[in-house]
Amino acid sequence: MTGTLLEILNLLGKQAHAIDGGAARQWAETFTPDGVFRSPTYPEPVRGREALTEFAAAFAANNPRAHHVVTNVCIDREISADECHVKANLLIVRTTSSGAVAIDRVTTIDDSFVRHGGLWRIAERVVTRD
């Protein structure tokens, strides 16, 4: 496994824990300052860290028992030493009030990663429902 893939896997794990744990600013900081999040679940793309922070805070407040499960992560295309495209599957799983587990969404995420300040960050995420 390459160093780049390990760094990206770590970032995606931290990102999932951040949004699920209500750490909205930490989640937003996994994106570049002008990062974009696009998902068919929401009417408009979310652009920039401030808007991303607000988005993550609202998600956590409205979904206190949700968990983002990221799997099948691969570097789909290496563009340069500082830019790559990553593809993964993302499931949003929820524990219901009865204690049962429900899968809310099964999606594919297409992330454009760039090095920003020496660290990998997401410049754009495009979510598609499977």
C-alpha atoms as a PDB file:
ATOM      1  CA  MET A   1       0.000   0.000   0.000  1.00  0.00           C
ATOM      2  CA  THR A   2       1.402   3.372  -0.955  1.00  0.00           C
ATOM      3  CA  GLY A   3       1.950   6.257   1.437  1.00  0.00           C
ATOM      4  CA  THR A   4      -0.584   8.288  -0.510  1.00  0.00           C
ATOM      5  CA  LEU A   5      -3.281   5.647  -0.144  1.00  0.00           C
ATOM      6  CA  LEU A   6      -2.596   5.305   3.592  1.00  0.00           C
ATOM      7  CA  GLU A   7      -2.866   9.069   4.058  1.00  0.00           C
ATOM      8  CA  ILE A   8      -6.133   9.159   2.114  1.00  0.00           C
ATOM      9  CA  LEU A   9      -7.597   6.190   4.007  1.00  0.00           C
ATOM     10  CA  ASN A  10      -6.717   7.910   7.273  1.00  0.00           C
ATOM     11  CA  LEU A  11      -8.308  11.164   6.134  1.00  0.00           C
ATOM     12  CA  LEU A  12     -11.513   9.406   5.032  1.00  0.00           C
ATOM     13  CA  GLY A  13     -11.714   7.603   8.379  1.00  0.00           C
ATOM     14  CA  LYS A  14     -11.209  10.825  10.323  1.00  0.00           C
ATOM     15  CA  GLN A  15     -13.785  12.517   8.114  1.00  0.00           C
ATOM     16  CA  ALA A  16     -16.429   9.856   8.827  1.00  0.00           C
ATOM     17  CA  HIS A  17     -15.793   9.975  12.576  1.00  0.00           C
ATOM     18  CA  ALA A  18     -15.909  13.780  12.535  1.00  0.00           C
ATOM     19  CA  ILE A  19     -19.315  14.131  10.863  1.00  0.00           C
ATOM     20  CA  ASP A  20     -20.798  11.269  12.886  1.00  0.00           C
ATOM     21  CA  GLY A  21     -19.446  12.725  16.133  1.00  0.00           C
ATOM     22  CA  GLY A  22     -20.636  16.263  15.499  1.00  0.00           C
ATOM     23  CA  ALA A  23     -17.142  17.680  14.862  1.00  0.00           C
ATOM     24  CA  ALA A  24     -18.336  19.846  11.991  1.00  0.00           C
ATOM     25  CA  ARG A  25     -15.239  22.057  11.716  1.00  0.00           C
ATOM     26  CA  GLN A  26     -12.949  19.012  11.639  1.00  0.00           C
ATOM     27  CA  TRP A  27     -15.084  17.472   8.889  1.00  0.00           C
ATOM     28  CA  ALA A  28     -14.966  20.687   6.846  1.00  0.00           C
ATOM     29  CA  GLU A  29     -11.192  20.890   7.246  1.00  0.00           C
ATOM     30  CA  THR A  30     -10.813  17.643   5.280  1.00  0.00           C
ATOM     31  CA  PHE A  31     -11.741  19.783   2.258  1.00  0.00           C
ATOM     32  CA  THR A  32      -9.697  22.543   0.664  1.00  0.00           C
ATOM     33  CA  PRO A  33     -10.772  26.067   1.708  1.00  0.00           C
ATOM     34  CA  ASP A  34     -12.833  26.317  -1.502  1.00  0.00           C
ATOM     35  CA  GLY A  35     -13.874  22.647  -1.485  1.00  0.00           C
ATOM     36  CA  VAL A  36     -17.179  21.525  -2.995  1.00  0.00           C
ATOM     37  CA  PHE A  37     -19.586  18.787  -1.874  1.00  0.00           C
ATOM     38  CA  ARG A  38     -22.240  17.622  -4.377  1.00  0.00           C
ATOM     39  CA  SER A  39     -24.915  15.092  -3.499  1.00  0.00           C
ATOM     40  CA  PRO A  40     -28.321  14.261  -4.985  1.00  0.00           C
ATOM     41  CA  THR A  41     -29.676  14.182  -1.420  1.00  0.00           C
ATOM     42  CA  TYR A  42     -29.302  17.963  -1.157  1.00  0.00           C
ATOM     43  CA  PRO A  43     -30.654  20.608  -3.551  1.00  0.00           C
ATOM     44  CA  GLU A  44     -27.450  22.618  -4.077  1.00  0.00           C
ATOM     45  CA  PRO A  45     -23.704  21.981  -3.906  1.00  0.00           C
ATOM     46  CA  VAL A  46     -22.044  23.063  -0.669  1.00  0.00           C
ATOM     47  CA  ARG A  47     -19.040  25.332  -1.338  1.00  0.00           C
ATOM     48  CA  GLY A  48     -16.279  26.555   0.968  1.00  0.00           C
ATOM     49  CA  ARG A  49     -15.295  25.615   4.497  1.00  0.00           C
ATOM     50  CA  GLU A  50     -17.794  27.839   6.276  1.00  0.00           C
ATOM     51  CA  ALA A  51     -20.726  26.362   4.349  1.00  0.00           C
ATOM     52  CA  LEU A  52     -19.249  22.858   4.746  1.00  0.00           C
ATOM     53  CA  THR A  53     -19.028  23.396   8.516  1.00  0.00           C
ATOM     54  CA  GLU A  54     -22.676  24.481   8.666  1.00  0.00           C
ATOM     55  CA  PHE A  55     -23.680  21.511   6.514  1.00  0.00           C
ATOM     56  CA  ALA A  56     -21.871  18.999   8.758  1.00  0.00           C
ATOM     57  CA  ALA A  57     -23.303  20.560  11.925  1.00  0.00           C
ATOM     58  CA  ALA A  58     -26.838  20.311  10.529  1.00  0.00           C
ATOM     59  CA  PHE A  59     -26.282  16.697   9.461  1.00  0.00           C
ATOM     60  CA  ALA A  60     -25.050  15.687  12.918  1.00  0.00           C
ATOM     61  CA  ALA A  61     -27.893  17.526  14.665  1.00  0.00           C
ATOM     62  CA  ASN A  62     -30.533  15.879  12.476  1.00  0.00           C
ATOM     63  CA  ASN A  63     -28.954  12.407  12.383  1.00  0.00           C
ATOM     64  CA  PRO A  64     -27.549  11.654  15.850  1.00  0.00           C
ATOM     65  CA  ARG A  65     -27.464   7.889  15.297  1.00  0.00           C
ATOM     66  CA  ALA A  66     -25.959   7.854  11.806  1.00  0.00           C
ATOM     67  CA  HIS A  67     -22.627   6.348  10.840  1.00  0.00           C
ATOM     68  CA  HIS A  68     -20.742   6.869   7.589  1.00  0.00           C
ATOM     69  CA  VAL A  69     -19.120   3.604   6.493  1.00  0.00           C
ATOM     70  CA  VAL A  70     -16.493   4.134   3.791  1.00  0.00           C
ATOM     71  CA  THR A  71     -15.283   1.052   1.938  1.00  0.00           C
ATOM     72  CA  ASN A  72     -13.721  -0.124  -1.344  1.00  0.00           C
ATOM     73  CA  VAL A  73     -11.415   2.896  -1.412  1.00  0.00           C
ATOM     74  CA  CYS A  74      -9.062   3.071  -4.380  1.00  0.00           C
ATOM     75  CA  ILE A  75      -6.957   5.642  -6.136  1.00  0.00           C
ATOM     76  CA  ASP A  76      -8.733   5.673  -9.464  1.00  0.00           C
ATOM     77  CA  ARG A  77      -6.290   8.010 -11.183  1.00  0.00           C
ATOM     78  CA  GLU A  78      -3.022   9.659 -10.168  1.00  0.00           C
ATOM     79  CA  ILE A  79      -2.821  12.987 -11.947  1.00  0.00           C
ATOM     80  CA  SER A  80       0.417  14.222 -10.372  1.00  0.00           C
ATOM     81  CA  ALA A  81       2.345  13.891  -7.109  1.00  0.00           C
ATOM     82  CA  ASP A  82      -0.072  16.437  -5.621  1.00  0.00           C
ATOM     83  CA  GLU A  83      -3.374  15.467  -7.239  1.00  0.00           C
ATOM     84  CA  CYS A  84      -5.365  12.265  -7.560  1.00  0.00           C
ATOM     85  CA  HIS A  85      -8.880  10.960  -8.026  1.00  0.00           C
ATOM     86  CA  VAL A  86     -10.266   8.568  -5.420  1.00  0.00           C
ATOM     87  CA  LYS A  87     -13.341   6.377  -5.692  1.00  0.00           C
ATOM     88  CA  ALA A  88     -15.098   4.619  -2.795  1.00  0.00           C
ATOM     89  CA  ASN A  89     -18.429   3.326  -1.612  1.00  0.00           C
ATOM     90  CA  LEU A  90     -20.181   5.102   1.232  1.00  0.00           C
ATOM     91  CA  LEU A  91     -23.017   3.629   3.239  1.00  0.00           C
ATOM     92  CA  ILE A  92     -24.959   5.676   5.743  1.00  0.00           C
ATOM     93  CA  VAL A  93     -26.096   3.330   8.475  1.00  0.00           C
ATOM     94  CA  ARG A  94     -28.432   4.289  11.305  1.00  0.00           C
ATOM     95  CA  THR A  95     -29.332   2.672  14.589  1.00  0.00           C
ATOM     96  CA  THR A  96     -33.102   2.924  14.991  1.00  0.00           C
ATOM     97  CA  SER A  97     -34.866   3.715  18.256  1.00  0.00           C
ATOM     98  CA  SER A  98     -35.574  -0.011  18.683  1.00  0.00           C
ATOM     99  CA  GLY A  99     -31.864  -0.797  18.346  1.00  0.00           C
ATOM    100  CA  ALA A 100     -32.125  -2.283  14.861  1.00  0.00           C
ATOM    101  CA  VAL A 101     -29.699  -1.260  12.143  1.00  0.00           C
ATOM    102  CA  ALA A 102     -30.963   0.328   8.932  1.00  0.00           C
ATOM    103  CA  ILE A 103     -29.024   1.270   5.815  1.00  0.00           C
ATOM    104  CA  ASP A 104     -30.252   4.708   4.756  1.00  0.00           C
ATOM    105  CA  ARG A 105     -28.121   5.135   1.658  1.00  0.00           C
ATOM    106  CA  VAL A 106     -25.650   3.256  -0.492  1.00  0.00           C
ATOM    107  CA  THR A 107     -23.573   5.631  -2.568  1.00  0.00           C
ATOM    108  CA  THR A 108     -20.408   5.990  -4.582  1.00  0.00           C
ATOM    109  CA  ILE A 109     -18.144   8.914  -3.818  1.00  0.00           C
ATOM    110  CA  ASP A 110     -15.804  10.383  -6.411  1.00  0.00           C
ATOM    111  CA  ASP A 111     -13.243  12.609  -4.720  1.00  0.00           C
ATOM    112  CA  SER A 112     -10.724  14.935  -6.306  1.00  0.00           C
ATOM    113  CA  PHE A 113      -7.821  15.121  -3.847  1.00  0.00           C
ATOM    114  CA  VAL A 114      -5.085  17.757  -3.880  1.00  0.00           C
ATOM    115  CA  ARG A 115      -2.218  18.480  -1.544  1.00  0.00           C
ATOM    116  CA  HIS A 116      -2.972  21.670   0.366  1.00  0.00           C
ATOM    117  CA  GLY A 117      -0.410  22.879   2.878  1.00  0.00           C
ATOM    118  CA  GLY A 118       1.402  19.559   2.496  1.00  0.00           C
ATOM    119  CA  LEU A 119      -1.696  17.526   3.416  1.00  0.00           C
ATOM    120  CA  TRP A 120      -4.202  15.693   1.233  1.00  0.00           C
ATOM    121  CA  ARG A 121      -7.535  17.492   1.100  1.00  0.00           C
ATOM    122  CA  ILE A 122     -10.692  17.029  -0.950  1.00  0.00           C
ATOM    123  CA  ALA A 123     -11.172  19.709  -3.597  1.00  0.00           C
ATOM    124  CA  GLU A 124     -14.466  18.227  -4.765  1.00  0.00           C
ATOM    125  CA  ARG A 125     -16.674  15.329  -3.741  1.00  0.00           C
ATOM    126  CA  VAL A 126     -19.412  14.052  -6.029  1.00  0.00           C
ATOM    127  CA  VAL A 127     -21.847  11.605  -4.466  1.00  0.00           C
ATOM    128  CA  THR A 128     -24.046   9.349  -6.588  1.00  0.00           C
ATOM    129  CA  ARG A 129     -26.701   7.019  -5.279  1.00  0.00           C
ATOM    130  CA  ASP A 130     -26.409   3.385  -6.224  1.00  0.00           C
END
